[in-house]
Amino acid sequence: MRIALFATCIVDAMYPEVAKDTVTVLERLGHEVVFPERQACCGQMHINSGDFSGAYPVVAGHVRAFEEEPGWDVAVAPSGSCVASLGHQQPMIARRAGDEDLASRAEDIAGRTYELSQLLTDVLGVTDAAAQLGSYFPHPVTYHPSCHGMRLLGLGDRQRSLLSTVEGIDLRELPQADQCCGFGGTFSMKNHQVSSAMLEDKAAHIVSTGASLCSGGDASCLMHIGGGLSRTGAKNPRGGDVGTVHLARILASTRERPLLPPRSEPVLSGGSLR
């Protein structure tokens, strides 16, 4: 299968390892991954901020970028939030601008674009990460389901189920996992006091599990959570830092090329080791 990678803005700019590991996982399954080079933002930030007119050329640019990449079967993004935006927001923006042709083309692209765990489980038939991907990560991890993936895409247990089949992982239940972390894109800036209170609750629940890492499928939420954990100096029971790591990074980790967890200094935040 020929798979087009939609890297998303935050992954491309801040956490490229997440995109690279997404490619690693798919190539490990024998698929060809291509990168539409003119891709940029999907327009979610503009739309969530009410800038519908500003979002229109961004939506058009995304559609053109993927139309110009020849011969791909499906597209994938390591982000439930951005995939949700393609289906729930882009056609709406095109229709508000009176562009029914763009709306139809956006729906076509969205209908063939999957969040990573969706693609792996629903299309590629991955049910056992250890057996089918060689995934190995012998560390205590908890899992946060991001809001858009959970509520708009209806991902259910796909991400958590994949994590649970990674060899050696000690997957710990996160109390009140379905509560928002407080990021919400521009919400965290416009309503920073509410956002900070939500983040404080999320961080406390993560620390209570005793895990070294919190995983999930959206680098933006993991960045927000990782920042909160870092600012509070959160420690796990072994005295190491508590950080965050993207699902793709754990799935790509193997016995031969393991991803190392945070110790006392660098922390995994949003998916990158820094």
C-alpha atoms as a PDB file:
ATOM      1  CA  MET A   1       0.000   0.000   0.000  1.00  0.00           C
ATOM      2  CA  ARG A   2       1.161   3.552  -0.749  1.00  0.00           C
ATOM      3  CA  ILE A   3       0.554   5.745   2.299  1.00  0.00           C
ATOM      4  CA  ALA A   4       0.762   9.548   2.335  1.00  0.00           C
ATOM      5  CA  LEU A   5       2.089  11.017   5.572  1.00  0.00           C
ATOM      6  CA  PHE A   6       0.311  14.083   6.957  1.00  0.00           C
ATOM      7  CA  ALA A   7       2.903  15.131   9.524  1.00  0.00           C
ATOM      8  CA  THR A   8       0.889  18.026  11.083  1.00  0.00           C
ATOM      9  CA  CYS A   9       2.363  21.388  12.077  1.00  0.00           C
ATOM     10  CA  ILE A  10       3.446  20.679  15.619  1.00  0.00           C
ATOM     11  CA  VAL A  11       5.048  17.345  14.773  1.00  0.00           C
ATOM     12  CA  ASP A  12       6.870  18.795  11.772  1.00  0.00           C
ATOM     13  CA  ALA A  13       8.116  21.849  13.661  1.00  0.00           C
ATOM     14  CA  MET A  14       8.784  20.467  17.143  1.00  0.00           C
ATOM     15  CA  TYR A  15       8.608  16.666  17.291  1.00  0.00           C
ATOM     16  CA  PRO A  16       9.902  15.299  13.965  1.00  0.00           C
ATOM     17  CA  GLU A  17      10.848  12.029  15.663  1.00  0.00           C
ATOM     18  CA  VAL A  18       7.130  11.234  15.906  1.00  0.00           C
ATOM     19  CA  ALA A  19       6.749  11.541  12.122  1.00  0.00           C
ATOM     20  CA  LYS A  20       9.911   9.515  11.533  1.00  0.00           C
ATOM     21  CA  ASP A  21       8.715   6.762  13.856  1.00  0.00           C
ATOM     22  CA  THR A  22       5.321   6.727  12.140  1.00  0.00           C
ATOM     23  CA  VAL A  23       7.159   6.042   8.888  1.00  0.00           C
ATOM     24  CA  THR A  24       9.315   3.389  10.598  1.00  0.00           C
ATOM     25  CA  VAL A  25       6.268   1.506  11.863  1.00  0.00           C
ATOM     26  CA  LEU A  26       4.516   1.546   8.471  1.00  0.00           C
ATOM     27  CA  GLU A  27       7.632   0.556   6.532  1.00  0.00           C
ATOM     28  CA  ARG A  28       8.178  -2.285   9.001  1.00  0.00           C
ATOM     29  CA  LEU A  29       4.836  -3.622   7.803  1.00  0.00           C
ATOM     30  CA  GLY A  30       6.034  -3.461   4.190  1.00  0.00           C
ATOM     31  CA  HIS A  31       4.239  -0.313   3.028  1.00  0.00           C
ATOM     32  CA  GLU A  32       5.600   2.616   1.014  1.00  0.00           C
ATOM     33  CA  VAL A  33       5.279   6.005   2.712  1.00  0.00           C
ATOM     34  CA  VAL A  34       5.313   9.231   0.697  1.00  0.00           C
ATOM     35  CA  PHE A  35       5.363  12.836   1.901  1.00  0.00           C
ATOM     36  CA  PRO A  36       3.333  15.470   0.010  1.00  0.00           C
ATOM     37  CA  GLU A  37       5.898  18.258   0.145  1.00  0.00           C
ATOM     38  CA  ARG A  38       3.511  21.216  -0.150  1.00  0.00           C
ATOM     39  CA  GLN A  39       1.536  20.245   2.949  1.00  0.00           C
ATOM     40  CA  ALA A  40       1.314  22.768   5.766  1.00  0.00           C
ATOM     41  CA  CYS A  41      -1.379  23.498   8.362  1.00  0.00           C
ATOM     42  CA  CYS A  42      -4.829  21.890   8.168  1.00  0.00           C
ATOM     43  CA  GLY A  43      -6.457  25.124   9.377  1.00  0.00           C
ATOM     44  CA  GLN A  44      -7.658  23.845  12.735  1.00  0.00           C
ATOM     45  CA  MET A  45      -6.086  26.687  14.714  1.00  0.00           C
ATOM     46  CA  HIS A  46      -7.715  29.317  12.516  1.00  0.00           C
ATOM     47  CA  ILE A  47     -11.109  27.608  12.656  1.00  0.00           C
ATOM     48  CA  ASN A  48     -11.065  27.090  16.418  1.00  0.00           C
ATOM     49  CA  SER A  49     -10.260  30.786  16.811  1.00  0.00           C
ATOM     50  CA  GLY A  50     -13.172  31.811  14.573  1.00  0.00           C
ATOM     51  CA  ASP A  51     -11.026  33.022  11.669  1.00  0.00           C
ATOM     52  CA  PHE A  52     -13.078  31.279   9.003  1.00  0.00           C
ATOM     53  CA  SER A  53     -11.996  33.532   6.148  1.00  0.00           C
ATOM     54  CA  GLY A  54      -8.346  33.042   7.070  1.00  0.00           C
ATOM     55  CA  ALA A  55      -8.879  29.278   7.228  1.00  0.00           C
ATOM     56  CA  TYR A  56     -10.211  29.020   3.670  1.00  0.00           C
ATOM     57  CA  PRO A  57      -6.859  29.343   1.814  1.00  0.00           C
ATOM     58  CA  VAL A  58      -5.253  27.028   4.376  1.00  0.00           C
ATOM     59  CA  VAL A  59      -7.888  24.361   3.725  1.00  0.00           C
ATOM     60  CA  ALA A  60      -7.460  24.812  -0.019  1.00  0.00           C
ATOM     61  CA  GLY A  61      -3.700  24.447   0.358  1.00  0.00           C
ATOM     62  CA  HIS A  62      -4.033  21.193   2.273  1.00  0.00           C
ATOM     63  CA  VAL A  63      -6.358  19.701  -0.323  1.00  0.00           C
ATOM     64  CA  ARG A  64      -4.080  20.734  -3.205  1.00  0.00           C
ATOM     65  CA  ALA A  65      -0.993  19.323  -1.503  1.00  0.00           C
ATOM     66  CA  PHE A  66      -2.513  15.864  -1.192  1.00  0.00           C
ATOM     67  CA  GLU A  67      -4.142  15.943  -4.619  1.00  0.00           C
ATOM     68  CA  GLU A  68      -0.780  16.729  -6.198  1.00  0.00           C
ATOM     69  CA  GLU A  69       0.896  13.695  -4.609  1.00  0.00           C
ATOM     70  CA  PRO A  70       0.212  10.908  -7.122  1.00  0.00           C
ATOM     71  CA  GLY A  71      -1.018   7.425  -6.445  1.00  0.00           C
ATOM     72  CA  TRP A  72      -1.468   7.206  -2.694  1.00  0.00           C
ATOM     73  CA  ASP A  73      -4.083   4.849  -1.288  1.00  0.00           C
ATOM     74  CA  VAL A  74      -4.620   6.248   2.192  1.00  0.00           C
ATOM     75  CA  ALA A  75      -3.117   9.046   4.278  1.00  0.00           C
ATOM     76  CA  VAL A  76      -2.090   8.895   7.921  1.00  0.00           C
ATOM     77  CA  ALA A  77      -1.424  11.437  10.653  1.00  0.00           C
ATOM     78  CA  PRO A  78      -0.043  10.863  14.162  1.00  0.00           C
ATOM     79  CA  SER A  79      -2.763  13.184  15.489  1.00  0.00           C
ATOM     80  CA  GLY A  80      -6.432  12.569  16.214  1.00  0.00           C
ATOM     81  CA  SER A  81      -7.006  16.309  16.475  1.00  0.00           C
ATOM     82  CA  CYS A  82      -5.838  17.123  12.950  1.00  0.00           C
ATOM     83  CA  VAL A  83      -7.552  14.122  11.369  1.00  0.00           C
ATOM     84  CA  ALA A  84     -10.786  15.165  13.081  1.00  0.00           C
ATOM     85  CA  SER A  85     -10.380  18.684  11.682  1.00  0.00           C
ATOM     86  CA  LEU A  86     -10.172  17.360   8.111  1.00  0.00           C
ATOM     87  CA  GLY A  87     -13.564  15.693   8.340  1.00  0.00           C
ATOM     88  CA  HIS A  88     -15.446  17.935  10.735  1.00  0.00           C
ATOM     89  CA  GLN A  89     -14.141  21.387   9.804  1.00  0.00           C
ATOM     90  CA  GLN A  90     -12.584  21.618   6.343  1.00  0.00           C
ATOM     91  CA  PRO A  91     -15.755  20.925   4.299  1.00  0.00           C
ATOM     92  CA  MET A  92     -17.653  23.398   6.473  1.00  0.00           C
ATOM     93  CA  ILE A  93     -15.098  26.133   5.784  1.00  0.00           C
ATOM     94  CA  ALA A  94     -15.266  25.502   2.028  1.00  0.00           C
ATOM     95  CA  ARG A  95     -19.071  25.622   2.013  1.00  0.00           C
ATOM     96  CA  ARG A  96     -19.132  28.835   4.070  1.00  0.00           C
ATOM     97  CA  ALA A  97     -16.993  30.338   1.314  1.00  0.00           C
ATOM     98  CA  GLY A  98     -19.440  29.100  -1.327  1.00  0.00           C
ATOM     99  CA  ASP A  99     -16.924  26.636  -2.740  1.00  0.00           C
ATOM    100  CA  GLU A 100     -18.816  23.351  -3.086  1.00  0.00           C
ATOM    101  CA  ASP A 101     -16.097  21.903  -5.320  1.00  0.00           C
ATOM    102  CA  LEU A 102     -13.461  22.393  -2.607  1.00  0.00           C
ATOM    103  CA  ALA A 103     -15.838  20.974   0.000  1.00  0.00           C
ATOM    104  CA  SER A 104     -16.264  17.804  -2.042  1.00  0.00           C
ATOM    105  CA  ARG A 105     -12.518  17.460  -2.609  1.00  0.00           C
ATOM    106  CA  ALA A 106     -11.843  18.040   1.095  1.00  0.00           C
ATOM    107  CA  GLU A 107     -14.324  15.299   1.978  1.00  0.00           C
ATOM    108  CA  ASP A 108     -12.547  12.934  -0.396  1.00  0.00           C
ATOM    109  CA  ILE A 109      -9.147  13.597   1.220  1.00  0.00           C
ATOM    110  CA  ALA A 110     -10.616  13.373   4.725  1.00  0.00           C
ATOM    111  CA  GLY A 111     -12.360  10.100   3.912  1.00  0.00           C
ATOM    112  CA  ARG A 112      -9.012   8.530   3.074  1.00  0.00           C
ATOM    113  CA  THR A 113      -7.051   9.991   5.994  1.00  0.00           C
ATOM    114  CA  TYR A 114      -6.617   8.002   9.195  1.00  0.00           C
ATOM    115  CA  GLU A 115      -5.181   8.625  12.621  1.00  0.00           C
ATOM    116  CA  LEU A 116      -2.247   6.239  13.194  1.00  0.00           C
ATOM    117  CA  SER A 117      -3.999   3.758  15.490  1.00  0.00           C
ATOM    118  CA  GLN A 118      -7.060   3.785  13.186  1.00  0.00           C
ATOM    119  CA  LEU A 119      -4.915   2.890  10.199  1.00  0.00           C
ATOM    120  CA  LEU A 120      -2.993   0.194  12.035  1.00  0.00           C
ATOM    121  CA  THR A 121      -6.026  -1.555  13.499  1.00  0.00           C
ATOM    122  CA  ASP A 122      -8.860  -0.905  11.025  1.00  0.00           C
ATOM    123  CA  VAL A 123      -6.973  -0.996   7.724  1.00  0.00           C
ATOM    124  CA  LEU A 124      -3.706  -2.855   8.277  1.00  0.00           C
ATOM    125  CA  GLY A 125      -5.017  -5.419  10.769  1.00  0.00           C
ATOM    126  CA  VAL A 126      -2.485  -4.862  13.540  1.00  0.00           C
ATOM    127  CA  THR A 127      -3.751  -6.361  16.791  1.00  0.00           C
ATOM    128  CA  ASP A 128      -0.476  -7.363  18.464  1.00  0.00           C
ATOM    129  CA  ALA A 129       2.270  -4.732  18.452  1.00  0.00           C
ATOM    130  CA  ALA A 130       4.925  -7.096  19.797  1.00  0.00           C
ATOM    131  CA  ALA A 131       4.239  -9.866  17.292  1.00  0.00           C
ATOM    132  CA  GLN A 132       3.524  -7.742  14.210  1.00  0.00           C
ATOM    133  CA  LEU A 133       5.726  -4.681  14.783  1.00  0.00           C
ATOM    134  CA  GLY A 134       8.418  -5.991  17.127  1.00  0.00           C
ATOM    135  CA  SER A 135       7.481  -3.265  19.628  1.00  0.00           C
ATOM    136  CA  TYR A 136       9.415  -3.476  22.892  1.00  0.00           C
ATOM    137  CA  PHE A 137       9.259  -0.960  25.732  1.00  0.00           C
ATOM    138  CA  PRO A 138       9.808  -2.452  29.214  1.00  0.00           C
ATOM    139  CA  HIS A 139       8.792   0.567  31.280  1.00  0.00           C
ATOM    140  CA  PRO A 140       5.815   1.753  33.378  1.00  0.00           C
ATOM    141  CA  VAL A 141       3.511   3.841  31.193  1.00  0.00           C
ATOM    142  CA  THR A 142       0.086   5.381  31.627  1.00  0.00           C
ATOM    143  CA  TYR A 143      -2.162   6.552  28.801  1.00  0.00           C
ATOM    144  CA  HIS A 144      -4.137   9.749  28.171  1.00  0.00           C
ATOM    145  CA  PRO A 145      -6.841   9.646  25.432  1.00  0.00           C
ATOM    146  CA  SER A 146      -6.982  13.054  23.779  1.00  0.00           C
ATOM    147  CA  CYS A 147     -10.387  14.704  23.422  1.00  0.00           C
ATOM    148  CA  HIS A 148     -10.703  14.928  19.631  1.00  0.00           C
ATOM    149  CA  GLY A 149      -9.590  11.354  19.105  1.00  0.00           C
ATOM    150  CA  MET A 150     -11.949  10.123  21.765  1.00  0.00           C
ATOM    151  CA  ARG A 151     -14.991  12.302  21.039  1.00  0.00           C
ATOM    152  CA  LEU A 152     -14.829  13.260  17.358  1.00  0.00           C
ATOM    153  CA  LEU A 153     -13.025  10.304  15.791  1.00  0.00           C
ATOM    154  CA  GLY A 154     -14.414   7.719  18.198  1.00  0.00           C
ATOM    155  CA  LEU A 155     -11.065   5.961  18.557  1.00  0.00           C
ATOM    156  CA  GLY A 156     -12.267   4.069  21.603  1.00  0.00           C
ATOM    157  CA  ASP A 157      -9.583   1.703  22.918  1.00  0.00           C
ATOM    158  CA  ARG A 158      -7.519   1.478  19.721  1.00  0.00           C
ATOM    159  CA  GLN A 159      -4.487   3.355  21.041  1.00  0.00           C
ATOM    160  CA  ARG A 160      -4.610   1.782  24.469  1.00  0.00           C
ATOM    161  CA  SER A 161      -5.064  -1.699  23.004  1.00  0.00           C
ATOM    162  CA  LEU A 162      -1.976  -1.297  20.832  1.00  0.00           C
ATOM    163  CA  LEU A 163       0.040  -0.105  23.812  1.00  0.00           C
ATOM    164  CA  SER A 164      -1.124  -3.063  25.890  1.00  0.00           C
ATOM    165  CA  THR A 165       0.392  -5.490  23.363  1.00  0.00           C
ATOM    166  CA  VAL A 166       3.870  -3.925  23.379  1.00  0.00           C
ATOM    167  CA  GLU A 167       6.381  -6.407  24.776  1.00  0.00           C
ATOM    168  CA  GLY A 168       7.483  -5.644  28.341  1.00  0.00           C
ATOM    169  CA  ILE A 169       5.285  -2.583  28.882  1.00  0.00           C
ATOM    170  CA  ASP A 170       3.764  -2.014  32.306  1.00  0.00           C
ATOM    171  CA  LEU A 171       0.585  -0.176  31.283  1.00  0.00           C
ATOM    172  CA  ARG A 172      -1.106   1.538  34.220  1.00  0.00           C
ATOM    173  CA  GLU A 173      -4.666   2.839  34.377  1.00  0.00           C
ATOM    174  CA  LEU A 174      -4.952   6.626  34.514  1.00  0.00           C
ATOM    175  CA  PRO A 175      -7.600   7.913  36.946  1.00  0.00           C
ATOM    176  CA  GLN A 176     -10.251  10.071  35.243  1.00  0.00           C
ATOM    177  CA  ALA A 177      -8.497   9.439  31.929  1.00  0.00           C
ATOM    178  CA  ASP A 178     -11.377  10.864  29.893  1.00  0.00           C
ATOM    179  CA  GLN A 179     -10.960  14.346  31.375  1.00  0.00           C
ATOM    180  CA  CYS A 180      -9.389  16.987  29.126  1.00  0.00           C
ATOM    181  CA  CYS A 181      -5.789  17.978  29.860  1.00  0.00           C
ATOM    182  CA  GLY A 182      -6.672  21.636  29.338  1.00  0.00           C
ATOM    183  CA  PHE A 183      -4.745  22.278  26.134  1.00  0.00           C
ATOM    184  CA  GLY A 184      -7.457  22.720  23.502  1.00  0.00           C
ATOM    185  CA  GLY A 185      -5.118  24.622  21.176  1.00  0.00           C
ATOM    186  CA  THR A 186      -5.728  28.353  21.570  1.00  0.00           C
ATOM    187  CA  PHE A 187      -7.992  27.625  24.564  1.00  0.00           C
ATOM    188  CA  SER A 188      -4.891  27.207  26.725  1.00  0.00           C
ATOM    189  CA  MET A 189      -3.820  30.765  25.858  1.00  0.00           C
ATOM    190  CA  LYS A 190      -7.207  32.482  25.912  1.00  0.00           C
ATOM    191  CA  ASN A 191      -8.337  30.751  29.108  1.00  0.00           C
ATOM    192  CA  HIS A 192      -4.988  30.060  30.717  1.00  0.00           C
ATOM    193  CA  GLN A 193      -6.240  29.985  34.307  1.00  0.00           C
ATOM    194  CA  VAL A 194      -8.859  27.327  33.575  1.00  0.00           C
ATOM    195  CA  SER A 195      -6.381  25.459  31.397  1.00  0.00           C
ATOM    196  CA  SER A 196      -3.772  25.481  34.147  1.00  0.00           C
ATOM    197  CA  ALA A 197      -6.241  24.111  36.683  1.00  0.00           C
ATOM    198  CA  MET A 198      -7.210  21.287  34.326  1.00  0.00           C
ATOM    199  CA  LEU A 199      -3.553  20.531  33.652  1.00  0.00           C
ATOM    200  CA  GLU A 200      -2.813  20.427  37.374  1.00  0.00           C
ATOM    201  CA  ASP A 201      -5.478  17.759  37.857  1.00  0.00           C
ATOM    202  CA  LYS A 202      -4.216  15.736  34.876  1.00  0.00           C
ATOM    203  CA  ALA A 203      -0.609  15.876  36.062  1.00  0.00           C
ATOM    204  CA  ALA A 204      -1.580  14.784  39.583  1.00  0.00           C
ATOM    205  CA  HIS A 205      -3.459  11.770  38.203  1.00  0.00           C
ATOM    206  CA  ILE A 206      -0.479  10.807  36.047  1.00  0.00           C
ATOM    207  CA  VAL A 207       1.915  11.014  38.992  1.00  0.00           C
ATOM    208  CA  SER A 208      -0.466   8.916  41.106  1.00  0.00           C
ATOM    209  CA  THR A 209      -0.014   5.954  38.752  1.00  0.00           C
ATOM    210  CA  GLY A 210       3.697   5.720  39.487  1.00  0.00           C
ATOM    211  CA  ALA A 211       4.439   5.590  35.760  1.00  0.00           C
ATOM    212  CA  SER A 212       7.563   7.107  34.248  1.00  0.00           C
ATOM    213  CA  LEU A 213       5.724   8.230  31.127  1.00  0.00           C
ATOM    214  CA  CYS A 214       2.320   9.278  29.909  1.00  0.00           C
ATOM    215  CA  SER A 215       1.617   8.242  26.322  1.00  0.00           C
ATOM    216  CA  GLY A 216      -1.047   9.327  23.871  1.00  0.00           C
ATOM    217  CA  GLY A 217      -1.734  10.038  20.221  1.00  0.00           C
ATOM    218  CA  ASP A 218      -1.517  13.841  20.029  1.00  0.00           C
ATOM    219  CA  ALA A 219       1.820  15.630  20.366  1.00  0.00           C
ATOM    220  CA  SER A 220       0.052  18.894  21.247  1.00  0.00           C
ATOM    221  CA  CYS A 221      -1.656  17.440  24.310  1.00  0.00           C
ATOM    222  CA  LEU A 222       1.516  15.606  25.309  1.00  0.00           C
ATOM    223  CA  MET A 223       3.488  18.849  24.983  1.00  0.00           C
ATOM    224  CA  HIS A 224       1.022  20.572  27.294  1.00  0.00           C
ATOM    225  CA  ILE A 225       1.062  17.726  29.814  1.00  0.00           C
ATOM    226  CA  GLY A 226       4.841  17.368  29.590  1.00  0.00           C
ATOM    227  CA  GLY A 227       5.285  21.061  30.286  1.00  0.00           C
ATOM    228  CA  GLY A 228       3.094  20.828  33.370  1.00  0.00           C
ATOM    229  CA  LEU A 229       4.953  17.796  34.688  1.00  0.00           C
ATOM    230  CA  SER A 230       8.296  19.492  34.068  1.00  0.00           C
ATOM    231  CA  ARG A 231       7.308  22.710  35.830  1.00  0.00           C
ATOM    232  CA  THR A 232       6.179  20.839  38.933  1.00  0.00           C
ATOM    233  CA  GLY A 233       9.298  18.676  39.005  1.00  0.00           C
ATOM    234  CA  ALA A 234       7.156  15.518  39.031  1.00  0.00           C
ATOM    235  CA  LYS A 235       9.052  12.361  40.003  1.00  0.00           C
ATOM    236  CA  ASN A 236       8.185   8.705  39.705  1.00  0.00           C
ATOM    237  CA  PRO A 237       8.702   6.283  42.635  1.00  0.00           C
ATOM    238  CA  ARG A 238      12.234   5.527  41.370  1.00  0.00           C
ATOM    239  CA  GLY A 239      13.198   9.192  41.614  1.00  0.00           C
ATOM    240  CA  GLY A 240      13.256   9.873  37.870  1.00  0.00           C
ATOM    241  CA  ASP A 241      11.400  12.560  35.979  1.00  0.00           C
ATOM    242  CA  VAL A 242       7.893  11.890  34.711  1.00  0.00           C
ATOM    243  CA  GLY A 243       7.525  12.757  31.032  1.00  0.00           C
ATOM    244  CA  THR A 244       5.369  12.162  27.991  1.00  0.00           C
ATOM    245  CA  VAL A 245       5.906  10.161  24.819  1.00  0.00           C
ATOM    246  CA  HIS A 246       3.869   9.705  21.657  1.00  0.00           C
ATOM    247  CA  LEU A 247       2.317   6.344  20.849  1.00  0.00           C
ATOM    248  CA  ALA A 248       4.308   6.140  17.584  1.00  0.00           C
ATOM    249  CA  ARG A 249       7.606   6.301  19.458  1.00  0.00           C
ATOM    250  CA  ILE A 250       6.713   3.352  21.675  1.00  0.00           C
ATOM    251  CA  LEU A 251       5.460   1.294  18.739  1.00  0.00           C
ATOM    252  CA  ALA A 252       8.713   1.970  16.865  1.00  0.00           C
ATOM    253  CA  SER A 253      10.879   0.968  19.837  1.00  0.00           C
ATOM    254  CA  THR A 254      12.411  -2.518  19.550  1.00  0.00           C
ATOM    255  CA  ARG A 255      14.885  -4.672  21.444  1.00  0.00           C
ATOM    256  CA  GLU A 256      17.514  -3.822  18.841  1.00  0.00           C
ATOM    257  CA  ARG A 257      16.751  -0.085  18.776  1.00  0.00           C
ATOM    258  CA  PRO A 258      15.064   0.758  22.072  1.00  0.00           C
ATOM    259  CA  LEU A 259      13.650   4.144  22.995  1.00  0.00           C
ATOM    260  CA  LEU A 260      15.110   5.124  26.347  1.00  0.00           C
ATOM    261  CA  PRO A 261      12.782   6.479  29.079  1.00  0.00           C
ATOM    262  CA  PRO A 262      13.489   9.668  31.047  1.00  0.00           C
ATOM    263  CA  ARG A 263      15.928   9.409  33.891  1.00  0.00           C
ATOM    264  CA  SER A 264      16.976  12.410  35.935  1.00  0.00           C
ATOM    265  CA  GLU A 265      17.633  15.048  33.261  1.00  0.00           C
ATOM    266  CA  PRO A 266      16.210  14.743  29.752  1.00  0.00           C
ATOM    267  CA  VAL A 267      12.469  14.174  29.552  1.00  0.00           C
ATOM    268  CA  LEU A 268      10.331  12.851  26.757  1.00  0.00           C
ATOM    269  CA  SER A 269       7.917  15.667  26.054  1.00  0.00           C
ATOM    270  CA  GLY A 270       5.370  15.421  23.269  1.00  0.00           C
ATOM    271  CA  GLY A 271       7.390  12.683  21.667  1.00  0.00           C
ATOM    272  CA  SER A 272      10.950  14.033  21.555  1.00  0.00           C
ATOM    273  CA  LEU A 273      13.888  13.199  23.775  1.00  0.00           C
ATOM    274  CA  ARG A 274      15.397  16.439  24.930  1.00  0.00           C
END
